[in-house]
Amino acid sequence: MYTMTIVLYDEELLNKILSIMIEFQLFDSTILDGETPENLAVETLPFLAELAALLEGDSRFNKTIICNVESLEQVKDFVDVCLEEGIDFKQENTGWVSAVKNDFFIGV
């Protein structure tokens, strides 16, 4: 069992990702709204806004999806289908995917 984490910087890709997840029968997932640390720092320390703009550009929000998958191969297949659908995680401002092997998992 693996935990797959997907962070989408381009929130407009969410519907495509959800369709692919349904295709892979990844129904038991959690979708969270996220922000970069720069966003939070600028909110609490406004003088950092110019520095953050120079380093990162515009403020970034994201969608974070967490789900369990049976195998690492399933994660790789998921990424391949995303690429076929025009979602290339190697492209800047798309996001990223990771998979971590679970040493312990209990639940349905």
N, C-alpha and C. Protein backbone atom coordinates (compact mmCIF):
# COMPACT_ATOMS: atom_id res chain seq x y z
N MET A 1 0.85 -1.17 0.00
CA MET A 1 0.00 0.00 0.00
C MET A 1 0.90 1.24 0.00
N TYR A 2 0.50 2.24 -0.80
CA TYR A 2 1.22 3.51 -0.90
C TYR A 2 0.25 4.66 -0.65
N THR A 3 0.77 5.76 -0.15
CA THR A 3 0.00 6.99 -0.07
C THR A 3 0.49 7.88 -1.20
N MET A 4 -0.45 8.24 -2.09
CA MET A 4 -0.13 9.13 -3.20
C MET A 4 -0.59 10.53 -2.83
N THR A 5 0.29 11.49 -3.02
CA THR A 5 -0.03 12.90 -2.79
C THR A 5 0.13 13.63 -4.11
N ILE A 6 -0.90 14.40 -4.45
CA ILE A 6 -0.88 15.20 -5.67
C ILE A 6 -1.08 16.65 -5.24
N VAL A 7 -0.18 17.53 -5.64
CA VAL A 7 -0.35 18.95 -5.39
C VAL A 7 -0.49 19.63 -6.74
N LEU A 8 -1.63 20.26 -6.96
CA LEU A 8 -1.90 20.96 -8.22
C LEU A 8 -1.74 22.45 -8.01
N TYR A 9 -0.77 23.04 -8.67
CA TYR A 9 -0.63 24.49 -8.64
C TYR A 9 -1.64 25.13 -9.58
N ASP A 10 -1.96 24.42 -10.65
CA ASP A 10 -2.95 24.88 -11.62
C ASP A 10 -4.29 24.25 -11.24
N GLU A 11 -5.08 24.99 -10.47
CA GLU A 11 -6.34 24.44 -9.96
C GLU A 11 -7.34 24.12 -11.06
N GLU A 12 -7.15 24.67 -12.24
CA GLU A 12 -8.04 24.38 -13.35
C GLU A 12 -7.90 22.94 -13.83
N LEU A 13 -6.85 22.26 -13.41
CA LEU A 13 -6.64 20.86 -13.79
C LEU A 13 -7.41 19.90 -12.89
N LEU A 14 -8.03 20.41 -11.85
CA LEU A 14 -8.67 19.54 -10.86
C LEU A 14 -9.72 18.61 -11.48
N ASN A 15 -10.58 19.12 -12.34
CA ASN A 15 -11.62 18.27 -12.92
C ASN A 15 -11.05 17.13 -13.75
N LYS A 16 -9.98 17.42 -14.51
CA LYS A 16 -9.33 16.35 -15.28
C LYS A 16 -8.73 15.31 -14.34
N ILE A 17 -8.07 15.78 -13.30
CA ILE A 17 -7.46 14.86 -12.33
C ILE A 17 -8.53 13.99 -11.68
N LEU A 18 -9.66 14.59 -11.30
CA LEU A 18 -10.73 13.82 -10.67
C LEU A 18 -11.28 12.76 -11.61
N SER A 19 -11.41 13.09 -12.88
CA SER A 19 -11.87 12.10 -13.86
C SER A 19 -10.90 10.92 -13.96
N ILE A 20 -9.62 11.22 -13.95
CA ILE A 20 -8.61 10.17 -14.02
C ILE A 20 -8.64 9.33 -12.75
N MET A 21 -8.83 9.98 -11.60
CA MET A 21 -8.91 9.25 -10.34
C MET A 21 -10.09 8.29 -10.34
N ILE A 22 -11.22 8.73 -10.89
CA ILE A 22 -12.39 7.85 -10.97
C ILE A 22 -12.09 6.66 -11.88
N GLU A 23 -11.39 6.93 -12.98
CA GLU A 23 -10.99 5.85 -13.88
C GLU A 23 -10.14 4.82 -13.15
N PHE A 24 -9.30 5.28 -12.22
CA PHE A 24 -8.43 4.38 -11.45
C PHE A 24 -9.11 3.87 -10.18
N GLN A 25 -10.40 4.21 -10.01
CA GLN A 25 -11.19 3.81 -8.84
C GLN A 25 -10.58 4.27 -7.52
N LEU A 26 -10.06 5.48 -7.53
CA LEU A 26 -9.48 6.08 -6.32
C LEU A 26 -10.54 6.97 -5.67
N PHE A 27 -11.56 6.32 -5.12
CA PHE A 27 -12.70 7.05 -4.58
C PHE A 27 -12.46 7.56 -3.16
N ASP A 28 -11.70 6.85 -2.38
CA ASP A 28 -11.48 7.22 -0.99
C ASP A 28 -10.28 8.16 -0.90
N SER A 29 -10.51 9.41 -1.24
CA SER A 29 -9.45 10.41 -1.30
C SER A 29 -9.87 11.65 -0.53
N THR A 30 -8.90 12.47 -0.22
CA THR A 30 -9.16 13.74 0.46
C THR A 30 -8.59 14.85 -0.40
N ILE A 31 -9.37 15.92 -0.59
CA ILE A 31 -8.92 17.07 -1.37
C ILE A 31 -8.91 18.28 -0.46
N LEU A 32 -7.76 18.91 -0.37
CA LEU A 32 -7.56 20.04 0.52
C LEU A 32 -7.20 21.29 -0.26
N ASP A 33 -7.61 22.45 0.24
CA ASP A 33 -7.16 23.72 -0.30
C ASP A 33 -5.84 24.06 0.37
N GLY A 34 -4.87 24.49 -0.41
CA GLY A 34 -3.56 24.79 0.15
C GLY A 34 -3.04 26.14 -0.27
N GLU A 35 -2.04 26.59 0.45
CA GLU A 35 -1.35 27.84 0.16
C GLU A 35 0.14 27.60 0.34
N THR A 36 0.92 28.37 -0.38
CA THR A 36 2.36 28.30 -0.19
C THR A 36 2.74 29.08 1.07
N PRO A 37 3.88 28.77 1.65
CA PRO A 37 4.33 29.52 2.82
C PRO A 37 4.49 31.01 2.52
N GLU A 38 4.83 31.33 1.27
CA GLU A 38 5.00 32.74 0.91
C GLU A 38 3.69 33.50 1.06
N ASN A 39 2.58 32.87 0.68
CA ASN A 39 1.27 33.52 0.84
C ASN A 39 1.00 33.87 2.29
N LEU A 40 1.22 32.90 3.16
CA LEU A 40 0.95 33.13 4.57
C LEU A 40 1.90 34.16 5.16
N ALA A 41 3.16 34.13 4.75
CA ALA A 41 4.13 35.10 5.25
C ALA A 41 3.75 36.51 4.85
N VAL A 42 3.31 36.68 3.61
CA VAL A 42 2.92 38.00 3.12
C VAL A 42 1.69 38.51 3.86
N GLU A 43 0.77 37.61 4.19
CA GLU A 43 -0.43 38.02 4.93
C GLU A 43 -0.06 38.53 6.32
N THR A 44 0.90 37.90 6.97
CA THR A 44 1.26 38.30 8.33
C THR A 44 2.36 39.35 8.35
N LEU A 45 3.19 39.39 7.31
CA LEU A 45 4.29 40.34 7.24
C LEU A 45 4.26 41.01 5.86
N PRO A 46 3.41 42.02 5.68
CA PRO A 46 3.20 42.62 4.36
C PRO A 46 4.46 43.16 3.69
N PHE A 47 5.46 43.52 4.46
CA PHE A 47 6.68 44.04 3.84
C PHE A 47 7.41 42.98 3.02
N LEU A 48 7.03 41.73 3.16
CA LEU A 48 7.64 40.65 2.37
C LEU A 48 7.00 40.50 0.99
N ALA A 49 5.93 41.24 0.71
CA ALA A 49 5.20 41.06 -0.55
C ALA A 49 6.09 41.28 -1.76
N GLU A 50 6.89 42.32 -1.76
CA GLU A 50 7.76 42.59 -2.91
C GLU A 50 8.80 41.50 -3.08
N LEU A 51 9.38 41.06 -1.98
CA LEU A 51 10.38 40.00 -2.04
C LEU A 51 9.75 38.71 -2.55
N ALA A 52 8.57 38.36 -2.05
CA ALA A 52 7.89 37.15 -2.50
C ALA A 52 7.56 37.23 -3.98
N ALA A 53 7.16 38.41 -4.45
CA ALA A 53 6.84 38.58 -5.86
C ALA A 53 8.07 38.37 -6.73
N LEU A 54 9.22 38.83 -6.25
CA LEU A 54 10.46 38.63 -7.02
C LEU A 54 10.87 37.17 -7.07
N LEU A 55 10.68 36.47 -5.96
CA LEU A 55 11.13 35.08 -5.87
C LEU A 55 10.17 34.10 -6.52
N GLU A 56 8.88 34.29 -6.34
CA GLU A 56 7.90 33.32 -6.78
C GLU A 56 6.93 33.83 -7.82
N GLY A 57 6.85 35.10 -8.02
CA GLY A 57 5.81 35.62 -8.92
C GLY A 57 4.55 35.85 -8.13
N ASP A 58 3.40 35.57 -8.75
CA ASP A 58 2.12 35.77 -8.08
C ASP A 58 1.94 34.80 -6.93
N SER A 59 1.03 35.15 -6.04
CA SER A 59 0.70 34.26 -4.92
C SER A 59 0.21 32.94 -5.46
N ARG A 60 0.51 31.89 -4.74
CA ARG A 60 0.13 30.57 -5.18
C ARG A 60 -0.82 29.91 -4.20
N PHE A 61 -1.88 29.40 -4.76
CA PHE A 61 -2.78 28.53 -4.04
C PHE A 61 -2.72 27.19 -4.73
N ASN A 62 -3.16 26.14 -4.07
CA ASN A 62 -3.12 24.84 -4.71
C ASN A 62 -4.23 23.95 -4.18
N LYS A 63 -4.40 22.85 -4.84
CA LYS A 63 -5.27 21.77 -4.39
C LYS A 63 -4.36 20.59 -4.07
N THR A 64 -4.54 20.02 -2.91
CA THR A 64 -3.75 18.87 -2.49
C THR A 64 -4.68 17.67 -2.35
N ILE A 65 -4.33 16.59 -3.03
CA ILE A 65 -5.14 15.38 -3.01
C ILE A 65 -4.31 14.27 -2.38
N ILE A 66 -4.91 13.60 -1.41
CA ILE A 66 -4.23 12.50 -0.73
C ILE A 66 -5.10 11.26 -0.87
N CYS A 67 -4.48 10.16 -1.32
CA CYS A 67 -5.23 8.91 -1.44
C CYS A 67 -4.28 7.73 -1.29
N ASN A 68 -4.86 6.59 -0.99
CA ASN A 68 -4.08 5.36 -0.90
C ASN A 68 -4.22 4.59 -2.19
N VAL A 69 -3.12 4.02 -2.64
CA VAL A 69 -3.10 3.19 -3.85
C VAL A 69 -2.44 1.86 -3.51
N GLU A 70 -2.77 0.87 -4.31
CA GLU A 70 -2.28 -0.48 -4.03
C GLU A 70 -0.80 -0.67 -4.33
N SER A 71 -0.30 -0.01 -5.39
CA SER A 71 1.08 -0.29 -5.79
C SER A 71 1.72 0.96 -6.39
N LEU A 72 3.03 0.94 -6.44
CA LEU A 72 3.78 2.02 -7.08
C LEU A 72 3.49 2.04 -8.58
N GLU A 73 3.26 0.87 -9.16
CA GLU A 73 2.92 0.79 -10.58
C GLU A 73 1.63 1.54 -10.88
N GLN A 74 0.67 1.49 -9.96
CA GLN A 74 -0.58 2.21 -10.15
C GLN A 74 -0.34 3.73 -10.18
N VAL A 75 0.58 4.19 -9.36
CA VAL A 75 0.92 5.62 -9.35
C VAL A 75 1.56 6.01 -10.68
N LYS A 76 2.48 5.20 -11.15
CA LYS A 76 3.14 5.48 -12.42
C LYS A 76 2.15 5.45 -13.58
N ASP A 77 1.21 4.51 -13.54
CA ASP A 77 0.16 4.45 -14.58
C ASP A 77 -0.71 5.70 -14.51
N PHE A 78 -1.02 6.14 -13.31
CA PHE A 78 -1.82 7.36 -13.12
C PHE A 78 -1.11 8.57 -13.76
N VAL A 79 0.18 8.70 -13.51
CA VAL A 79 0.95 9.81 -14.08
C VAL A 79 1.00 9.71 -15.60
N ASP A 80 1.11 8.49 -16.13
CA ASP A 80 1.12 8.30 -17.58
C ASP A 80 -0.21 8.74 -18.21
N VAL A 81 -1.32 8.38 -17.58
CA VAL A 81 -2.63 8.78 -18.10
C VAL A 81 -2.79 10.29 -18.00
N CYS A 82 -2.31 10.88 -16.91
CA CYS A 82 -2.35 12.34 -16.79
C CYS A 82 -1.61 12.98 -17.96
N LEU A 83 -0.44 12.45 -18.30
CA LEU A 83 0.34 12.99 -19.41
C LEU A 83 -0.43 12.86 -20.73
N GLU A 84 -1.09 11.73 -20.93
CA GLU A 84 -1.92 11.54 -22.13
C GLU A 84 -3.04 12.57 -22.20
N GLU A 85 -3.52 13.02 -21.03
CA GLU A 85 -4.61 14.00 -20.97
C GLU A 85 -4.10 15.45 -20.94
N GLY A 86 -2.79 15.61 -21.14
CA GLY A 86 -2.22 16.96 -21.20
C GLY A 86 -1.76 17.52 -19.88
N ILE A 87 -1.68 16.69 -18.85
CA ILE A 87 -1.21 17.14 -17.54
C ILE A 87 0.20 16.59 -17.34
N ASP A 88 1.18 17.46 -17.50
CA ASP A 88 2.58 17.06 -17.43
C ASP A 88 3.19 17.64 -16.16
N PHE A 89 3.40 16.78 -15.18
CA PHE A 89 3.92 17.23 -13.89
C PHE A 89 5.37 17.69 -13.98
N LYS A 90 6.02 17.47 -15.10
CA LYS A 90 7.38 17.96 -15.29
C LYS A 90 7.40 19.41 -15.76
N GLN A 91 6.21 19.93 -16.13
CA GLN A 91 6.11 21.31 -16.58
C GLN A 91 5.95 22.24 -15.38
N GLU A 92 6.59 23.38 -15.46
CA GLU A 92 6.51 24.38 -14.40
C GLU A 92 5.05 24.81 -14.20
N ASN A 93 4.71 25.09 -12.96
CA ASN A 93 3.39 25.58 -12.55
C ASN A 93 2.26 24.58 -12.72
N THR A 94 2.59 23.30 -12.85
CA THR A 94 1.55 22.26 -12.91
C THR A 94 1.32 21.70 -11.52
N GLY A 95 2.37 21.24 -10.89
CA GLY A 95 2.27 20.63 -9.58
C GLY A 95 3.22 19.44 -9.48
N TRP A 96 2.92 18.55 -8.55
CA TRP A 96 3.77 17.37 -8.39
C TRP A 96 2.98 16.19 -7.82
N VAL A 97 3.56 15.01 -7.97
CA VAL A 97 2.98 13.77 -7.45
C VAL A 97 4.07 13.03 -6.70
N SER A 98 3.71 12.48 -5.56
CA SER A 98 4.66 11.63 -4.85
C SER A 98 3.93 10.40 -4.31
N ALA A 99 4.68 9.36 -4.05
CA ALA A 99 4.13 8.14 -3.46
C ALA A 99 5.07 7.68 -2.36
N VAL A 100 4.49 7.35 -1.22
CA VAL A 100 5.27 6.90 -0.07
C VAL A 100 4.71 5.56 0.36
N LYS A 101 5.61 4.60 0.51
CA LYS A 101 5.18 3.26 0.94
C LYS A 101 4.74 3.31 2.41
N ASN A 102 3.61 2.68 2.67
CA ASN A 102 3.09 2.61 4.04
C ASN A 102 3.61 1.36 4.73
N ASP A 103 4.28 1.53 5.84
CA ASP A 103 4.67 0.37 6.64
C ASP A 103 3.50 -0.16 7.45
N PHE A 104 2.55 0.73 7.71
CA PHE A 104 1.38 0.34 8.47
C PHE A 104 0.18 1.08 7.92
N PHE A 105 -0.90 0.36 7.70
CA PHE A 105 -2.15 0.97 7.25
C PHE A 105 -3.29 0.13 7.79
N ILE A 106 -4.26 0.80 8.39
CA ILE A 106 -5.46 0.11 8.86
C ILE A 106 -6.65 0.96 8.48
N GLY A 107 -7.67 0.34 7.99
CA GLY A 107 -8.87 1.05 7.58
C GLY A 107 -9.46 0.42 6.34
N VAL A 108 -10.64 0.90 5.99
CA VAL A 108 -11.30 0.38 4.80
C VAL A 108 -11.38 1.42 3.74
